[in-house]
Amino acid sequence: MAAHRQESNAPVLRTIRNVPIGAMQISDDPNEVLVAYGLGSCIAVCAYDRVARVGGMLHALLPTDASVNGDRPAPAKYVDQGVPLLLDALLHTGARRHRLIVSLCGGACVIPAKGFSDILGIGERNILAAQEALRAAHLRVHAQDTGGDAGRTVKLNMVNGQVTVKTLARGERVLIAK
């Protein structure tokens, strides 16, 4: 008598791992979903290797560290330092540079005062800094949802590398499919 396995239609429970402002998370756990909530002018850089099944997300606040002091306790807070940090961590965890699927989200102009956002331009500067850092790392952006005036929540599903973006106006949509 052959043993037979019964397939379950029960949903797989996923562990949500928050990626707070100024932080980075790396995972190779297929049951995890990395999430950056409420991206305004911040930028999230997501990268995933579908062969190694490892990915990560950077949630950077500012394009560069303009301080003159050499102490940098939170390099993931800055795009120019965080992108190389993300890449190094991914490569150390088994990813290969040529297989990384990269996406960008955020960089909105969420300051409502007329003219004020043009002075700072943090969102736009974050987008440009991320694009430049990725270019310097010889990585291509495969998809992005950046700019505008809406906050976003971005998710990176570790089981398949799917990236979704949610805004109040558009709801949730797939940015990078599985």
C-alpha atoms as a PDB file:
ATOM      1  CA  MET A   1       0.000   0.000   0.000  1.00  0.00           C
ATOM      2  CA  ALA A   2       1.566   3.256  -1.117  1.00  0.00           C
ATOM      3  CA  ALA A   3       1.581   6.177   1.262  1.00  0.00           C
ATOM      4  CA  HIS A   4      -0.200   9.178  -0.054  1.00  0.00           C
ATOM      5  CA  ARG A   5       0.322  12.791   0.846  1.00  0.00           C
ATOM      6  CA  GLN A   6      -2.541  15.152   1.237  1.00  0.00           C
ATOM      7  CA  GLU A   7      -2.008  18.647  -0.131  1.00  0.00           C
ATOM      8  CA  SER A   8      -3.105  21.513   2.068  1.00  0.00           C
ATOM      9  CA  ASN A   9      -4.816  24.617   0.766  1.00  0.00           C
ATOM     10  CA  ALA A  10      -4.103  26.453   4.005  1.00  0.00           C
ATOM     11  CA  PRO A  11      -2.332  29.773   3.463  1.00  0.00           C
ATOM     12  CA  VAL A  12       1.344  29.906   4.350  1.00  0.00           C
ATOM     13  CA  LEU A  13       1.983  32.206   7.270  1.00  0.00           C
ATOM     14  CA  ARG A  14       4.620  34.804   6.540  1.00  0.00           C
ATOM     15  CA  THR A  15       6.740  36.646   9.082  1.00  0.00           C
ATOM     16  CA  ILE A  16       6.670  40.397   8.524  1.00  0.00           C
ATOM     17  CA  ARG A  17      10.022  42.032   9.248  1.00  0.00           C
ATOM     18  CA  ASN A  18       9.944  45.814   9.496  1.00  0.00           C
ATOM     19  CA  VAL A  19      12.773  47.782   7.898  1.00  0.00           C
ATOM     20  CA  PRO A  20      12.738  51.028   9.899  1.00  0.00           C
ATOM     21  CA  ILE A  21      14.109  54.383   8.735  1.00  0.00           C
ATOM     22  CA  GLY A  22      17.886  54.358   8.564  1.00  0.00           C
ATOM     23  CA  ALA A  23      18.110  50.572   8.600  1.00  0.00           C
ATOM     24  CA  MET A  24      18.726  47.641   6.314  1.00  0.00           C
ATOM     25  CA  GLN A  25      17.522  44.041   6.504  1.00  0.00           C
ATOM     26  CA  ILE A  26      18.854  40.979   4.676  1.00  0.00           C
ATOM     27  CA  SER A  27      17.039  37.648   4.578  1.00  0.00           C
ATOM     28  CA  ASP A  28      17.260  34.189   3.088  1.00  0.00           C
ATOM     29  CA  ASP A  29      14.165  32.961   4.940  1.00  0.00           C
ATOM     30  CA  PRO A  30      11.403  32.163   2.405  1.00  0.00           C
ATOM     31  CA  ASN A  31       8.767  32.760   5.084  1.00  0.00           C
ATOM     32  CA  GLU A  32       9.736  36.404   5.578  1.00  0.00           C
ATOM     33  CA  VAL A  33       8.433  39.562   3.983  1.00  0.00           C
ATOM     34  CA  LEU A  34      10.559  42.689   4.397  1.00  0.00           C
ATOM     35  CA  VAL A  35       8.446  45.838   4.730  1.00  0.00           C
ATOM     36  CA  ALA A  36       9.197  49.572   4.816  1.00  0.00           C
ATOM     37  CA  TYR A  37       6.092  51.406   5.996  1.00  0.00           C
ATOM     38  CA  GLY A  38       5.128  54.950   5.115  1.00  0.00           C
ATOM     39  CA  LEU A  39       7.943  55.956   2.781  1.00  0.00           C
ATOM     40  CA  GLY A  40       7.693  59.695   2.179  1.00  0.00           C
ATOM     41  CA  SER A  41      10.868  61.365   0.978  1.00  0.00           C
ATOM     42  CA  CYS A  42      12.839  58.307   2.156  1.00  0.00           C
ATOM     43  CA  ILE A  43      13.954  55.807  -0.454  1.00  0.00           C
ATOM     44  CA  ALA A  44      13.782  52.019  -0.278  1.00  0.00           C
ATOM     45  CA  VAL A  45      16.237  50.004  -2.337  1.00  0.00           C
ATOM     46  CA  CYS A  46      15.178  46.363  -2.737  1.00  0.00           C
ATOM     47  CA  ALA A  47      17.439  43.700  -4.230  1.00  0.00           C
ATOM     48  CA  TYR A  48      16.807  39.978  -4.683  1.00  0.00           C
ATOM     49  CA  ASP A  49      18.729  37.035  -6.137  1.00  0.00           C
ATOM     50  CA  ARG A  50      16.201  34.440  -7.386  1.00  0.00           C
ATOM     51  CA  VAL A  51      18.779  31.656  -7.589  1.00  0.00           C
ATOM     52  CA  ALA A  52      20.285  32.082  -4.110  1.00  0.00           C
ATOM     53  CA  ARG A  53      16.877  33.189  -2.762  1.00  0.00           C
ATOM     54  CA  VAL A  54      18.419  35.956  -0.750  1.00  0.00           C
ATOM     55  CA  GLY A  55      17.315  39.551  -0.710  1.00  0.00           C
ATOM     56  CA  GLY A  56      17.446  42.758   1.203  1.00  0.00           C
ATOM     57  CA  MET A  57      15.995  46.184   1.653  1.00  0.00           C
ATOM     58  CA  LEU A  58      17.569  49.514   2.556  1.00  0.00           C
ATOM     59  CA  HIS A  59      15.338  52.276   4.001  1.00  0.00           C
ATOM     60  CA  ALA A  60      17.471  55.419   3.669  1.00  0.00           C
ATOM     61  CA  LEU A  61      16.515  58.832   5.010  1.00  0.00           C
ATOM     62  CA  LEU A  62      18.980  61.184   3.305  1.00  0.00           C
ATOM     63  CA  PRO A  63      21.096  61.123   0.132  1.00  0.00           C
ATOM     64  CA  THR A  64      24.457  61.756   1.832  1.00  0.00           C
ATOM     65  CA  ASP A  65      25.978  62.447   5.220  1.00  0.00           C
ATOM     66  CA  ALA A  66      26.830  66.138   5.149  1.00  0.00           C
ATOM     67  CA  SER A  67      28.267  66.217   8.661  1.00  0.00           C
ATOM     68  CA  VAL A  68      31.921  66.992   9.125  1.00  0.00           C
ATOM     69  CA  ASN A  69      32.407  64.557  11.969  1.00  0.00           C
ATOM     70  CA  GLY A  70      33.825  61.186  10.970  1.00  0.00           C
ATOM     71  CA  ASP A  71      31.625  59.162  13.322  1.00  0.00           C
ATOM     72  CA  ARG A  72      28.914  57.469  11.234  1.00  0.00           C
ATOM     73  CA  PRO A  73      26.896  55.293  13.615  1.00  0.00           C
ATOM     74  CA  ALA A  74      24.068  54.647  11.113  1.00  0.00           C
ATOM     75  CA  PRO A  75      25.420  54.334   7.559  1.00  0.00           C
ATOM     76  CA  ALA A  76      22.109  52.839   6.344  1.00  0.00           C
ATOM     77  CA  LYS A  77      20.543  56.225   7.079  1.00  0.00           C
ATOM     78  CA  TYR A  78      22.305  57.607   3.990  1.00  0.00           C
ATOM     79  CA  VAL A  79      21.777  56.381   0.425  1.00  0.00           C
ATOM     80  CA  ASP A  80      25.413  56.794  -0.656  1.00  0.00           C
ATOM     81  CA  GLN A  81      26.659  54.650   2.249  1.00  0.00           C
ATOM     82  CA  GLY A  82      23.671  52.307   2.516  1.00  0.00           C
ATOM     83  CA  VAL A  83      23.655  50.988  -1.054  1.00  0.00           C
ATOM     84  CA  PRO A  84      27.226  49.596  -0.853  1.00  0.00           C
ATOM     85  CA  LEU A  85      26.404  48.236   2.616  1.00  0.00           C
ATOM     86  CA  LEU A  86      23.318  46.454   1.214  1.00  0.00           C
ATOM     87  CA  LEU A  87      25.284  45.029  -1.702  1.00  0.00           C
ATOM     88  CA  ASP A  88      28.130  43.776   0.536  1.00  0.00           C
ATOM     89  CA  ALA A  89      25.657  42.082   2.888  1.00  0.00           C
ATOM     90  CA  LEU A  90      23.814  40.410  -0.001  1.00  0.00           C
ATOM     91  CA  LEU A  91      27.030  39.131  -1.586  1.00  0.00           C
ATOM     92  CA  HIS A  92      28.213  37.861   1.813  1.00  0.00           C
ATOM     93  CA  THR A  93      24.911  35.960   2.195  1.00  0.00           C
ATOM     94  CA  GLY A  94      25.279  34.169  -1.149  1.00  0.00           C
ATOM     95  CA  ALA A  95      23.796  36.514  -3.747  1.00  0.00           C
ATOM     96  CA  ARG A  96      25.625  37.208  -7.009  1.00  0.00           C
ATOM     97  CA  ARG A  97      25.784  40.738  -8.383  1.00  0.00           C
ATOM     98  CA  HIS A  98      24.785  39.784 -11.954  1.00  0.00           C
ATOM     99  CA  ARG A  99      21.609  38.041 -10.697  1.00  0.00           C
ATOM    100  CA  LEU A 100      20.293  40.846  -8.488  1.00  0.00           C
ATOM    101  CA  ILE A 101      16.872  42.241  -9.383  1.00  0.00           C
ATOM    102  CA  VAL A 102      16.771  45.800  -8.045  1.00  0.00           C
ATOM    103  CA  SER A 103      13.847  48.128  -7.438  1.00  0.00           C
ATOM    104  CA  LEU A 104      13.466  51.636  -5.983  1.00  0.00           C
ATOM    105  CA  CYS A 105      10.480  53.069  -4.122  1.00  0.00           C
ATOM    106  CA  GLY A 106       9.830  56.369  -2.380  1.00  0.00           C
ATOM    107  CA  GLY A 107      11.424  59.743  -2.851  1.00  0.00           C
ATOM    108  CA  ALA A 108       8.122  61.612  -2.690  1.00  0.00           C
ATOM    109  CA  CYS A 109       7.695  65.317  -2.078  1.00  0.00           C
ATOM    110  CA  VAL A 110       5.422  65.218   0.951  1.00  0.00           C
ATOM    111  CA  ILE A 111       5.976  68.719   2.364  1.00  0.00           C
ATOM    112  CA  PRO A 112       2.808  70.674   1.560  1.00  0.00           C
ATOM    113  CA  ALA A 113       4.220  74.219   1.877  1.00  0.00           C
ATOM    114  CA  LYS A 114       4.480  75.788  -1.577  1.00  0.00           C
ATOM    115  CA  GLY A 115       8.091  76.426  -2.582  1.00  0.00           C
ATOM    116  CA  PHE A 116       9.509  74.782   0.543  1.00  0.00           C
ATOM    117  CA  SER A 117       9.874  71.366  -1.058  1.00  0.00           C
ATOM    118  CA  ASP A 118      11.785  72.890  -3.949  1.00  0.00           C
ATOM    119  CA  ILE A 119      14.382  74.259  -1.519  1.00  0.00           C
ATOM    120  CA  LEU A 120      15.148  70.933   0.133  1.00  0.00           C
ATOM    121  CA  GLY A 121      14.186  68.458  -2.584  1.00  0.00           C
ATOM    122  CA  ILE A 122      15.096  65.554  -0.296  1.00  0.00           C
ATOM    123  CA  GLY A 123      12.891  63.033  -2.127  1.00  0.00           C
ATOM    124  CA  GLU A 124      14.315  63.874  -5.547  1.00  0.00           C
ATOM    125  CA  ARG A 125      17.863  63.965  -4.149  1.00  0.00           C
ATOM    126  CA  ASN A 126      17.327  60.525  -2.586  1.00  0.00           C
ATOM    127  CA  ILE A 127      16.165  59.114  -5.935  1.00  0.00           C
ATOM    128  CA  LEU A 128      19.182  60.569  -7.761  1.00  0.00           C
ATOM    129  CA  ALA A 129      21.596  59.375  -5.045  1.00  0.00           C
ATOM    130  CA  ALA A 130      20.168  55.830  -5.220  1.00  0.00           C
ATOM    131  CA  GLN A 131      20.382  55.736  -9.010  1.00  0.00           C
ATOM    132  CA  GLU A 132      23.978  56.983  -8.888  1.00  0.00           C
ATOM    133  CA  ALA A 133      25.020  54.543  -6.135  1.00  0.00           C
ATOM    134  CA  LEU A 134      23.497  51.641  -8.067  1.00  0.00           C
ATOM    135  CA  ARG A 135      25.193  52.785 -11.286  1.00  0.00           C
ATOM    136  CA  ALA A 136      28.520  52.954  -9.424  1.00  0.00           C
ATOM    137  CA  ALA A 137      27.905  49.403  -8.183  1.00  0.00           C
ATOM    138  CA  HIS A 138      27.156  48.293 -11.785  1.00  0.00           C
ATOM    139  CA  LEU A 139      23.567  47.423 -10.915  1.00  0.00           C
ATOM    140  CA  ARG A 140      20.538  48.151 -13.072  1.00  0.00           C
ATOM    141  CA  VAL A 141      17.209  49.333 -11.675  1.00  0.00           C
ATOM    142  CA  HIS A 142      14.585  46.899 -12.988  1.00  0.00           C
ATOM    143  CA  ALA A 143      11.551  48.772 -11.687  1.00  0.00           C
ATOM    144  CA  GLN A 144      10.753  51.840  -9.668  1.00  0.00           C
ATOM    145  CA  ASP A 145       7.865  53.712  -8.129  1.00  0.00           C
ATOM    146  CA  THR A 146       9.360  57.041  -7.107  1.00  0.00           C
ATOM    147  CA  GLY A 147       8.613  60.743  -6.843  1.00  0.00           C
ATOM    148  CA  GLY A 148       5.164  62.275  -6.750  1.00  0.00           C
ATOM    149  CA  ASP A 149       3.511  63.400  -3.553  1.00  0.00           C
ATOM    150  CA  ALA A 150       2.161  60.140  -2.101  1.00  0.00           C
ATOM    151  CA  GLY A 151       3.598  58.093   0.721  1.00  0.00           C
ATOM    152  CA  ARG A 152       4.200  54.419   0.008  1.00  0.00           C
ATOM    153  CA  THR A 153       4.606  51.094   1.758  1.00  0.00           C
ATOM    154  CA  VAL A 154       6.871  48.603  -0.005  1.00  0.00           C
ATOM    155  CA  LYS A 155       7.127  44.844   0.568  1.00  0.00           C
ATOM    156  CA  LEU A 156       9.762  42.361  -0.605  1.00  0.00           C
ATOM    157  CA  ASN A 157       8.542  38.771  -0.422  1.00  0.00           C
ATOM    158  CA  MET A 158      11.505  36.495   0.249  1.00  0.00           C
ATOM    159  CA  VAL A 159       9.919  33.334  -1.173  1.00  0.00           C
ATOM    160  CA  ASN A 160      10.039  34.690  -4.734  1.00  0.00           C
ATOM    161  CA  GLY A 161      11.387  38.261  -4.840  1.00  0.00           C
ATOM    162  CA  GLN A 162       8.022  39.846  -5.590  1.00  0.00           C
ATOM    163  CA  VAL A 163       7.961  43.556  -4.725  1.00  0.00           C
ATOM    164  CA  THR A 164       4.650  45.295  -4.063  1.00  0.00           C
ATOM    165  CA  VAL A 165       3.961  48.986  -3.472  1.00  0.00           C
ATOM    166  CA  LYS A 166       0.915  50.389  -1.737  1.00  0.00           C
ATOM    167  CA  THR A 167      -0.392  53.962  -1.746  1.00  0.00           C
ATOM    168  CA  LEU A 168      -3.685  55.320  -0.485  1.00  0.00           C
ATOM    169  CA  ALA A 169      -4.731  56.500  -3.938  1.00  0.00           C
ATOM    170  CA  ARG A 170      -3.749  53.414  -5.970  1.00  0.00           C
ATOM    171  CA  GLY A 171      -3.946  50.608  -3.427  1.00  0.00           C
ATOM    172  CA  GLU A 172      -1.404  47.792  -3.633  1.00  0.00           C
ATOM    173  CA  ARG A 173       0.195  46.823  -6.929  1.00  0.00           C
ATOM    174  CA  VAL A 174       2.992  44.538  -8.034  1.00  0.00           C
ATOM    175  CA  LEU A 175       6.177  46.360  -8.985  1.00  0.00           C
ATOM    176  CA  ILE A 176       8.321  43.271  -9.607  1.00  0.00           C
ATOM    177  CA  ALA A 177       6.488  40.018 -10.215  1.00  0.00           C
ATOM    178  CA  LYS A 178       7.554  36.665  -8.884  1.00  0.00           C
END
